[in-house]
Structure formats: structure tokens, C-alpha cells
Amino acid sequence: MAAHYFERSRTYPVSEEVAFDRTLAYPLPKLFRHRFGPIPAIKDVREQLGDFDTAGDARTIVLKGGATMREELVEVDRPWVFRYRITDITGPM
């Protein structure tokens, strides 16, 4: 199955480091409180141990409607990029 990419951007008057740190630490249920394209809003985050800021960190995302997915950080290169992988999708989108 081909990979799908979604992208969204906005400009804020802060340094790259501050923007990176705030974005990575921002609570997902607040960031994605509304549907974004084919992805429902996020209801909850489970199984996150500590900060979510290091490659290998993983957590379970619960979507409104009950679907779940596993998110794992696969690369963190502060302040330039963080990449994550979504797996184990269950339930309806």
C-alpha cells in the first residue's frame, strides 16, 4: 500500500527551537480536536511514558468513535524534523 502524507503549516514569531519543542509536547487531543481530512479527532492518548520526544517513544492514540492506532517516533532531529510511524490501526475511521 502506498504511503499517504498530510501536511499543514503556519507561521509564528518564535525561534525554531521553541516552535519544535512546543509542537512535539503539545497534547494531541487539543491539537487534533476536530477531524482533519480522513482522520477523526483525537479523544485520548494512552500508554505514553514520560515525554514524547525521543526516537523509539511510543503511545496509543484513541480517536473519537473508538478507533485506535499506535504512534512511534522514528526520528527526532531537534529543531529541524521529527518523524513518526502509525501502525496497528483498529476500528472505523
PDB file of N, CA and C in Angstrom:
ATOM      1  N   MET A   1       0.846  -1.174   0.000  1.00  0.00           N
ATOM      2  CA  MET A   1       0.000   0.000   0.000  1.00  0.00           C
ATOM      3  C   MET A   1       0.891   1.237   0.000  1.00  0.00           C
ATOM      4  N   ALA A   2       0.573   2.185  -0.830  1.00  0.00           N
ATOM      5  CA  ALA A   2       1.361   3.409  -0.924  1.00  0.00           C
ATOM      6  C   ALA A   2       1.176   4.267   0.322  1.00  0.00           C
ATOM      7  N   ALA A   3       2.235   4.951   0.713  1.00  0.00           N
ATOM      8  CA  ALA A   3       2.176   5.847   1.867  1.00  0.00           C
ATOM      9  C   ALA A   3       1.385   7.100   1.505  1.00  0.00           C
ATOM     10  N   HIS A   4       0.697   7.647   2.483  1.00  0.00           N
ATOM     11  CA  HIS A   4      -0.042   8.891   2.302  1.00  0.00           C
ATOM     12  C   HIS A   4       0.570   9.943   3.215  1.00  0.00           C
ATOM     13  N   TYR A   5       0.660  11.157   2.740  1.00  0.00           N
ATOM     14  CA  TYR A   5       1.257  12.234   3.511  1.00  0.00           C
ATOM     15  C   TYR A   5       0.275  13.386   3.624  1.00  0.00           C
ATOM     16  N   PHE A   6       0.164  13.925   4.832  1.00  0.00           N
ATOM     17  CA  PHE A   6      -0.661  15.096   5.081  1.00  0.00           C
ATOM     18  C   PHE A   6       0.252  16.169   5.641  1.00  0.00           C
ATOM     19  N   GLU A   7       0.057  17.381   5.204  1.00  0.00           N
ATOM     20  CA  GLU A   7       0.938  18.457   5.629  1.00  0.00           C
ATOM     21  C   GLU A   7       0.108  19.703   5.886  1.00  0.00           C
ATOM     22  N   ARG A   8       0.506  20.432   6.904  1.00  0.00           N
ATOM     23  CA  ARG A   8      -0.160  21.685   7.235  1.00  0.00           C
ATOM     24  C   ARG A   8       0.882  22.589   7.868  1.00  0.00           C
ATOM     25  N   SER A   9       0.843  23.884   7.564  1.00  0.00           N
ATOM     26  CA  SER A   9       1.840  24.776   8.154  1.00  0.00           C
ATOM     27  C   SER A   9       1.215  26.126   8.494  1.00  0.00           C
ATOM     28  N   ARG A  10       1.907  26.815   9.372  1.00  0.00           N
ATOM     29  CA  ARG A  10       1.506  28.143   9.809  1.00  0.00           C
ATOM     30  C   ARG A  10       2.744  28.813  10.385  1.00  0.00           C
ATOM     31  N   THR A  11       2.816  30.135  10.332  1.00  0.00           N
ATOM     32  CA  THR A  11       3.981  30.864  10.819  1.00  0.00           C
ATOM     33  C   THR A  11       3.681  31.516  12.169  1.00  0.00           C
ATOM     34  N   TYR A  12       4.626  31.374  13.120  1.00  0.00           N
ATOM     35  CA  TYR A  12       4.536  32.006  14.432  1.00  0.00           C
ATOM     36  C   TYR A  12       5.854  32.720  14.712  1.00  0.00           C
ATOM     37  N   PRO A  13       5.818  33.848  15.422  1.00  0.00           N
ATOM     38  CA  PRO A  13       7.044  34.611  15.688  1.00  0.00           C
ATOM     39  C   PRO A  13       7.837  34.053  16.877  1.00  0.00           C
ATOM     40  N   VAL A  14       8.342  32.834  16.754  1.00  0.00           N
ATOM     41  CA  VAL A  14       9.180  32.223  17.791  1.00  0.00           C
ATOM     42  C   VAL A  14      10.368  31.553  17.111  1.00  0.00           C
ATOM     43  N   SER A  15      11.383  31.243  17.892  1.00  0.00           N
ATOM     44  CA  SER A  15      12.558  30.567  17.331  1.00  0.00           C
ATOM     45  C   SER A  15      12.194  29.152  16.890  1.00  0.00           C
ATOM     46  N   GLU A  16      13.023  28.571  16.035  1.00  0.00           N
ATOM     47  CA  GLU A  16      12.786  27.197  15.583  1.00  0.00           C
ATOM     48  C   GLU A  16      12.790  26.222  16.748  1.00  0.00           C
ATOM     49  N   GLU A  17      13.689  26.435  17.708  1.00  0.00           N
ATOM     50  CA  GLU A  17      13.778  25.542  18.862  1.00  0.00           C
ATOM     51  C   GLU A  17      12.494  25.577  19.691  1.00  0.00           C
ATOM     52  N   VAL A  18      11.996  26.783  19.944  1.00  0.00           N
ATOM     53  CA  VAL A  18      10.766  26.931  20.735  1.00  0.00           C
ATOM     54  C   VAL A  18       9.588  26.305  19.990  1.00  0.00           C
ATOM     55  N   ALA A  19       9.473  26.577  18.697  1.00  0.00           N
ATOM     56  CA  ALA A  19       8.380  26.002  17.909  1.00  0.00           C
ATOM     57  C   ALA A  19       8.443  24.479  17.911  1.00  0.00           C
ATOM     58  N   PHE A  20       9.627  23.926  17.730  1.00  0.00           N
ATOM     59  CA  PHE A  20       9.800  22.472  17.711  1.00  0.00           C
ATOM     60  C   PHE A  20       9.391  21.860  19.043  1.00  0.00           C
ATOM     61  N   ASP A  21       9.932  22.400  20.132  1.00  0.00           N
ATOM     62  CA  ASP A  21       9.650  21.852  21.461  1.00  0.00           C
ATOM     63  C   ASP A  21       8.167  21.941  21.810  1.00  0.00           C
ATOM     64  N   ARG A  22       7.544  23.066  21.504  1.00  0.00           N
ATOM     65  CA  ARG A  22       6.122  23.236  21.819  1.00  0.00           C
ATOM     66  C   ARG A  22       5.245  22.320  20.973  1.00  0.00           C
ATOM     67  N   THR A  23       5.589  22.162  19.712  1.00  0.00           N
ATOM     68  CA  THR A  23       4.794  21.304  18.834  1.00  0.00           C
ATOM     69  C   THR A  23       4.871  19.852  19.266  1.00  0.00           C
ATOM     70  N   LEU A  24       6.065  19.372  19.554  1.00  0.00           N
ATOM     71  CA  LEU A  24       6.239  17.970  19.933  1.00  0.00           C
ATOM     72  C   LEU A  24       5.562  17.662  21.267  1.00  0.00           C
ATOM     73  N   ALA A  25       5.541  18.632  22.178  1.00  0.00           N
ATOM     74  CA  ALA A  25       4.975  18.411  23.518  1.00  0.00           C
ATOM     75  C   ALA A  25       3.478  18.720  23.606  1.00  0.00           C
ATOM     76  N   TYR A  26       2.914  19.352  22.592  1.00  0.00           N
ATOM     77  CA  TYR A  26       1.519  19.791  22.661  1.00  0.00           C
ATOM     78  C   TYR A  26       0.578  18.588  22.749  1.00  0.00           C
ATOM     79  N   PRO A  27      -0.408  18.628  23.633  1.00  0.00           N
ATOM     80  CA  PRO A  27      -1.336  17.499  23.797  1.00  0.00           C
ATOM     81  C   PRO A  27      -2.131  17.217  22.509  1.00  0.00           C
ATOM     82  N   LEU A  28      -2.068  15.990  22.031  1.00  0.00           N
ATOM     83  CA  LEU A  28      -2.754  15.630  20.789  1.00  0.00           C
ATOM     84  C   LEU A  28      -4.255  15.895  20.813  1.00  0.00           C
ATOM     85  N   PRO A  29      -4.974  15.625  21.924  1.00  0.00           N
ATOM     86  CA  PRO A  29      -6.417  15.908  21.914  1.00  0.00           C
ATOM     87  C   PRO A  29      -6.734  17.397  21.713  1.00  0.00           C
ATOM     88  N   LYS A  30      -5.826  18.279  22.082  1.00  0.00           N
ATOM     89  CA  LYS A  30      -6.027  19.713  21.833  1.00  0.00           C
ATOM     90  C   LYS A  30      -5.632  20.073  20.405  1.00  0.00           C
ATOM     91  N   LEU A  31      -4.551  19.477  19.918  1.00  0.00           N
ATOM     92  CA  LEU A  31      -4.049  19.781  18.576  1.00  0.00           C
ATOM     93  C   LEU A  31      -5.012  19.279  17.501  1.00  0.00           C
ATOM     94  N   PHE A  32      -5.564  18.089  17.710  1.00  0.00           N
ATOM     95  CA  PHE A  32      -6.468  17.481  16.735  1.00  0.00           C
ATOM     96  C   PHE A  32      -7.852  17.285  17.349  1.00  0.00           C
ATOM     97  N   ARG A  33      -8.456  18.369  17.784  1.00  0.00           N
ATOM     98  CA  ARG A  33      -9.768  18.278  18.426  1.00  0.00           C
ATOM     99  C   ARG A  33     -10.899  18.215  17.399  1.00  0.00           C
ATOM    100  N   HIS A  34     -10.559  18.441  16.118  1.00  0.00           N
ATOM    101  CA  HIS A  34     -11.533  18.338  15.030  1.00  0.00           C
ATOM    102  C   HIS A  34     -10.997  17.370  13.979  1.00  0.00           C
ATOM    103  N   ARG A  35     -11.870  16.823  13.205  1.00  0.00           N
ATOM    104  CA  ARG A  35     -11.475  15.948  12.097  1.00  0.00           C
ATOM    105  C   ARG A  35     -10.517  16.709  11.176  1.00  0.00           C
ATOM    106  N   PHE A  36      -9.496  16.017  10.670  1.00  0.00           N
ATOM    107  CA  PHE A  36      -8.545  16.600   9.721  1.00  0.00           C
ATOM    108  C   PHE A  36      -8.506  15.685   8.508  1.00  0.00           C
ATOM    109  N   GLY A  37      -9.221  16.069   7.454  1.00  0.00           N
ATOM    110  CA  GLY A  37      -9.315  15.210   6.277  1.00  0.00           C
ATOM    111  C   GLY A  37      -9.952  13.884   6.656  1.00  0.00           C
ATOM    112  N   PRO A  38      -9.286  12.774   6.350  1.00  0.00           N
ATOM    113  CA  PRO A  38      -9.867  11.460   6.642  1.00  0.00           C
ATOM    114  C   PRO A  38      -9.666  11.001   8.089  1.00  0.00           C
ATOM    115  N   ILE A  39      -8.937  11.763   8.880  1.00  0.00           N
ATOM    116  CA  ILE A  39      -8.601  11.353  10.246  1.00  0.00           C
ATOM    117  C   ILE A  39      -9.566  12.008  11.239  1.00  0.00           C
ATOM    118  N   PRO A  40     -10.283  11.211  12.056  1.00  0.00           N
ATOM    119  CA  PRO A  40     -11.176  11.781  13.070  1.00  0.00           C
ATOM    120  C   PRO A  40     -10.396  12.529  14.159  1.00  0.00           C
ATOM    121  N   ALA A  41     -11.108  13.292  14.942  1.00  0.00           N
ATOM    122  CA  ALA A  41     -10.493  13.991  16.075  1.00  0.00           C
ATOM    123  C   ALA A  41      -9.906  12.977  17.058  1.00  0.00           C
ATOM    124  N   ILE A  42      -8.904  13.417  17.811  1.00  0.00           N
ATOM    125  CA  ILE A  42      -8.271  12.557  18.812  1.00  0.00           C
ATOM    126  C   ILE A  42      -8.963  12.772  20.150  1.00  0.00           C
ATOM    127  N   LYS A  43      -9.367  11.675  20.765  1.00  0.00           N
ATOM    128  CA  LYS A  43     -10.070  11.713  22.048  1.00  0.00           C
ATOM    129  C   LYS A  43      -9.116  11.591  23.227  1.00  0.00           C
ATOM    130  N   ASP A  44      -8.090  10.714  23.100  1.00  0.00           N
ATOM    131  CA  ASP A  44      -7.228  10.412  24.240  1.00  0.00           C
ATOM    132  C   ASP A  44      -5.896   9.851  23.750  1.00  0.00           C
ATOM    133  N   VAL A  45      -4.904   9.905  24.629  1.00  0.00           N
ATOM    134  CA  VAL A  45      -3.598   9.282  24.388  1.00  0.00           C
ATOM    135  C   VAL A  45      -3.317   8.370  25.567  1.00  0.00           C
ATOM    136  N   ARG A  46      -2.925   7.135  25.284  1.00  0.00           N
ATOM    137  CA  ARG A  46      -2.660   6.149  26.338  1.00  0.00           C
ATOM    138  C   ARG A  46      -1.267   5.554  26.173  1.00  0.00           C
ATOM    139  N   GLU A  47      -0.787   4.984  27.254  1.00  0.00           N
ATOM    140  CA  GLU A  47       0.474   4.238  27.260  1.00  0.00           C
ATOM    141  C   GLU A  47       1.687   5.090  26.895  1.00  0.00           C
ATOM    142  N   GLN A  48       1.606   6.390  27.152  1.00  0.00           N
ATOM    143  CA  GLN A  48       2.763   7.257  26.942  1.00  0.00           C
ATOM    144  C   GLN A  48       3.517   7.360  28.256  1.00  0.00           C
ATOM    145  N   LEU A  49       4.775   6.978  28.238  1.00  0.00           N
ATOM    146  CA  LEU A  49       5.603   7.024  29.441  1.00  0.00           C
ATOM    147  C   LEU A  49       6.525   8.235  29.368  1.00  0.00           C
ATOM    148  N   GLY A  50       6.247   9.251  30.169  1.00  0.00           N
ATOM    149  CA  GLY A  50       7.089  10.448  30.181  1.00  0.00           C
ATOM    150  C   GLY A  50       6.875  11.305  28.950  1.00  0.00           C
ATOM    151  N   ASP A  51       7.895  12.109  28.636  1.00  0.00           N
ATOM    152  CA  ASP A  51       7.827  12.995  27.475  1.00  0.00           C
ATOM    153  C   ASP A  51       7.880  12.173  26.193  1.00  0.00           C
ATOM    154  N   PHE A  52       7.253  12.669  25.165  1.00  0.00           N
ATOM    155  CA  PHE A  52       7.244  12.020  23.852  1.00  0.00           C
ATOM    156  C   PHE A  52       8.195  12.815  22.976  1.00  0.00           C
ATOM    157  N   ASP A  53       9.513  12.555  23.123  1.00  0.00           N
ATOM    158  CA  ASP A  53      10.485  13.412  22.445  1.00  0.00           C
ATOM    159  C   ASP A  53      11.749  12.698  21.976  1.00  0.00           C
ATOM    160  N   THR A  54      11.769  11.372  22.031  1.00  0.00           N
ATOM    161  CA  THR A  54      12.958  10.604  21.676  1.00  0.00           C
ATOM    162  C   THR A  54      12.570   9.483  20.720  1.00  0.00           C
ATOM    163  N   ALA A  55      13.381   9.258  19.689  1.00  0.00           N
ATOM    164  CA  ALA A  55      13.117   8.149  18.767  1.00  0.00           C
ATOM    165  C   ALA A  55      12.947   6.865  19.571  1.00  0.00           C
ATOM    166  N   GLY A  56      11.923   6.105  19.238  1.00  0.00           N
ATOM    167  CA  GLY A  56      11.598   4.883  19.969  1.00  0.00           C
ATOM    168  C   GLY A  56      10.438   5.056  20.933  1.00  0.00           C
ATOM    169  N   ASP A  57      10.143   6.296  21.347  1.00  0.00           N
ATOM    170  CA  ASP A  57       8.981   6.538  22.207  1.00  0.00           C
ATOM    171  C   ASP A  57       7.713   6.154  21.444  1.00  0.00           C
ATOM    172  N   ALA A  58       6.758   5.548  22.148  1.00  0.00           N
ATOM    173  CA  ALA A  58       5.519   5.106  21.502  1.00  0.00           C
ATOM    174  C   ALA A  58       4.336   5.358  22.422  1.00  0.00           C
ATOM    175  N   ARG A  59       3.161   5.459  21.808  1.00  0.00           N
ATOM    176  CA  ARG A  59       1.925   5.667  22.562  1.00  0.00           C
ATOM    177  C   ARG A  59       0.750   5.200  21.707  1.00  0.00           C
ATOM    178  N   THR A  60      -0.388   5.012  22.355  1.00  0.00           N
ATOM    179  CA  THR A  60      -1.611   4.625  21.659  1.00  0.00           C
ATOM    180  C   THR A  60      -2.531   5.835  21.590  1.00  0.00           C
ATOM    181  N   ILE A  61      -3.020   6.124  20.403  1.00  0.00           N
ATOM    182  CA  ILE A  61      -3.934   7.237  20.167  1.00  0.00           C
ATOM    183  C   ILE A  61      -5.344   6.671  20.042  1.00  0.00           C
ATOM    184  N   VAL A  62      -6.285   7.269  20.771  1.00  0.00           N
ATOM    185  CA  VAL A  62      -7.690   6.869  20.707  1.00  0.00           C
ATOM    186  C   VAL A  62      -8.448   7.975  19.980  1.00  0.00           C
ATOM    187  N   LEU A  63      -9.108   7.612  18.889  1.00  0.00           N
ATOM    188  CA  LEU A  63      -9.858   8.577  18.102  1.00  0.00           C
ATOM    189  C   LEU A  63     -11.303   8.638  18.574  1.00  0.00           C
ATOM    190  N   LYS A  64     -11.956   9.776  18.327  1.00  0.00           N
ATOM    191  CA  LYS A  64     -13.390   9.861  18.606  1.00  0.00           C
ATOM    192  C   LYS A  64     -14.066   8.835  17.713  1.00  0.00           C
ATOM    193  N   GLY A  65     -14.938   8.072  18.276  1.00  0.00           N
ATOM    194  CA  GLY A  65     -15.557   6.978  17.546  1.00  0.00           C
ATOM    195  C   GLY A  65     -14.982   5.635  17.950  1.00  0.00           C
ATOM    196  N   GLY A  66     -13.855   5.654  18.704  1.00  0.00           N
ATOM    197  CA  GLY A  66     -13.326   4.423  19.264  1.00  0.00           C
ATOM    198  C   GLY A  66     -12.157   3.774  18.564  1.00  0.00           C
ATOM    199  N   ALA A  67     -11.809   4.194  17.368  1.00  0.00           N
ATOM    200  CA  ALA A  67     -10.653   3.609  16.686  1.00  0.00           C
ATOM    201  C   ALA A  67      -9.377   3.931  17.465  1.00  0.00           C
ATOM    202  N   THR A  68      -8.381   3.072  17.335  1.00  0.00           N
ATOM    203  CA  THR A  68      -7.088   3.315  17.977  1.00  0.00           C
ATOM    204  C   THR A  68      -5.974   3.123  16.963  1.00  0.00           C
ATOM    205  N   MET A  69      -4.813   3.685  17.263  1.00  0.00           N
ATOM    206  CA  MET A  69      -3.624   3.500  16.441  1.00  0.00           C
ATOM    207  C   MET A  69      -2.393   3.671  17.319  1.00  0.00           C
ATOM    208  N   ARG A  70      -1.333   3.031  16.933  1.00  0.00           N
ATOM    209  CA  ARG A  70      -0.063   3.107  17.655  1.00  0.00           C
ATOM    210  C   ARG A  70       0.829   4.103  16.936  1.00  0.00           C
ATOM    211  N   GLU A  71       1.391   5.052  17.684  1.00  0.00           N
ATOM    212  CA  GLU A  71       2.302   6.049  17.121  1.00  0.00           C
ATOM    213  C   GLU A  71       3.677   5.844  17.740  1.00  0.00           C
ATOM    214  N   GLU A  72       4.703   5.771  16.898  1.00  0.00           N
ATOM    215  CA  GLU A  72       6.079   5.633  17.375  1.00  0.00           C
ATOM    216  C   GLU A  72       6.951   6.689  16.708  1.00  0.00           C
ATOM    217  N   LEU A  73       7.714   7.417  17.514  1.00  0.00           N
ATOM    218  CA  LEU A  73       8.683   8.357  16.954  1.00  0.00           C
ATOM    219  C   LEU A  73       9.827   7.556  16.348  1.00  0.00           C
ATOM    220  N   VAL A  74      10.132   7.818  15.090  1.00  0.00           N
ATOM    221  CA  VAL A  74      11.217   7.086  14.433  1.00  0.00           C
ATOM    222  C   VAL A  74      12.441   7.961  14.193  1.00  0.00           C
ATOM    223  N   GLU A  75      12.273   9.274  14.265  1.00  0.00           N
ATOM    224  CA  GLU A  75      13.410  10.189  14.106  1.00  0.00           C
ATOM    225  C   GLU A  75      13.106  11.495  14.826  1.00  0.00           C
ATOM    226  N   VAL A  76      14.081  11.993  15.560  1.00  0.00           N
ATOM    227  CA  VAL A  76      13.982  13.311  16.184  1.00  0.00           C
ATOM    228  C   VAL A  76      15.318  14.000  15.964  1.00  0.00           C
ATOM    229  N   ASP A  77      15.299  15.097  15.208  1.00  0.00           N
ATOM    230  CA  ASP A  77      16.499  15.888  14.933  1.00  0.00           C
ATOM    231  C   ASP A  77      16.153  17.340  15.246  1.00  0.00           C
ATOM    232  N   ARG A  78      16.184  17.664  16.542  1.00  0.00           N
ATOM    233  CA  ARG A  78      15.807  18.989  17.025  1.00  0.00           C
ATOM    234  C   ARG A  78      16.756  20.041  16.481  1.00  0.00           C
ATOM    235  N   PRO A  79      16.276  21.153  16.011  1.00  0.00           N
ATOM    236  CA  PRO A  79      14.895  21.621  15.865  1.00  0.00           C
ATOM    237  C   PRO A  79      14.340  21.448  14.450  1.00  0.00           C
ATOM    238  N   TRP A  80      14.889  20.544  13.671  1.00  0.00           N
ATOM    239  CA  TRP A  80      14.540  20.501  12.251  1.00  0.00           C
ATOM    240  C   TRP A  80      13.419  19.539  11.881  1.00  0.00           C
ATOM    241  N   VAL A  81      13.421  18.354  12.447  1.00  0.00           N
ATOM    242  CA  VAL A  81      12.443  17.372  11.977  1.00  0.00           C
ATOM    243  C   VAL A  81      12.124  16.341  13.059  1.00  0.00           C
ATOM    244  N   PHE A  82      10.882  15.912  13.090  1.00  0.00           N
ATOM    245  CA  PHE A  82      10.541  14.683  13.809  1.00  0.00           C
ATOM    246  C   PHE A  82       9.619  13.890  12.886  1.00  0.00           C
ATOM    247  N   ARG A  83       9.837  12.583  12.864  1.00  0.00           N
ATOM    248  CA  ARG A  83       9.034  11.685  12.037  1.00  0.00           C
ATOM    249  C   ARG A  83       8.454  10.604  12.928  1.00  0.00           C
ATOM    250  N   TYR A  84       7.270  10.167  12.583  1.00  0.00           N
ATOM    251  CA  TYR A  84       6.644   9.108  13.359  1.00  0.00           C
ATOM    252  C   TYR A  84       5.978   8.116  12.420  1.00  0.00           C
ATOM    253  N   ARG A  85       5.747   6.931  12.940  1.00  0.00           N
ATOM    254  CA  ARG A  85       5.093   5.858  12.194  1.00  0.00           C
ATOM    255  C   ARG A  85       3.790   5.512  12.909  1.00  0.00           C
ATOM    256  N   ILE A  86       2.724   5.367  12.132  1.00  0.00           N
ATOM    257  CA  ILE A  86       1.428   4.946  12.658  1.00  0.00           C
ATOM    258  C   ILE A  86       1.203   3.492  12.236  1.00  0.00           C
ATOM    259  N   THR A  87       0.914   2.623  13.215  1.00  0.00           N
ATOM    260  CA  THR A  87       0.657   1.209  12.944  1.00  0.00           C
ATOM    261  C   THR A  87      -0.525   0.739  13.786  1.00  0.00           C
ATOM    262  N   ASP A  88      -0.869  -0.511  13.625  1.00  0.00           N
ATOM    263  CA  ASP A  88      -1.891  -1.170  14.453  1.00  0.00           C
ATOM    264  C   ASP A  88      -3.197  -0.379  14.517  1.00  0.00           C
ATOM    265  N   ILE A  89      -3.675   0.046  13.367  1.00  0.00           N
ATOM    266  CA  ILE A  89      -4.936   0.792  13.313  1.00  0.00           C
ATOM    267  C   ILE A  89      -6.089  -0.187  13.519  1.00  0.00           C
ATOM    268  N   THR A  90      -6.953   0.130  14.479  1.00  0.00           N
ATOM    269  CA  THR A  90      -8.121  -0.709  14.757  1.00  0.00           C
ATOM    270  C   THR A  90      -9.374   0.150  14.736  1.00  0.00           C
ATOM    271  N   GLY A  91     -10.485  -0.435  14.363  1.00  0.00           N
ATOM    272  CA  GLY A  91     -11.758   0.270  14.397  1.00  0.00           C
ATOM    273  C   GLY A  91     -11.991   1.155  13.190  1.00  0.00           C
ATOM    274  N   PRO A  92     -13.179   1.761  13.122  1.00  0.00           N
ATOM    275  CA  PRO A  92     -13.552   2.598  11.978  1.00  0.00           C
ATOM    276  C   PRO A  92     -12.896   3.972  12.033  1.00  0.00           C
ATOM    277  N   MET A  93     -12.570   4.475  10.875  1.00  0.00           N
ATOM    278  CA  MET A  93     -12.048   5.833  10.782  1.00  0.00           C
ATOM    279  C   MET A  93     -13.219   6.754  10.501  1.00  0.00           C
TER     280      MET A  93
END
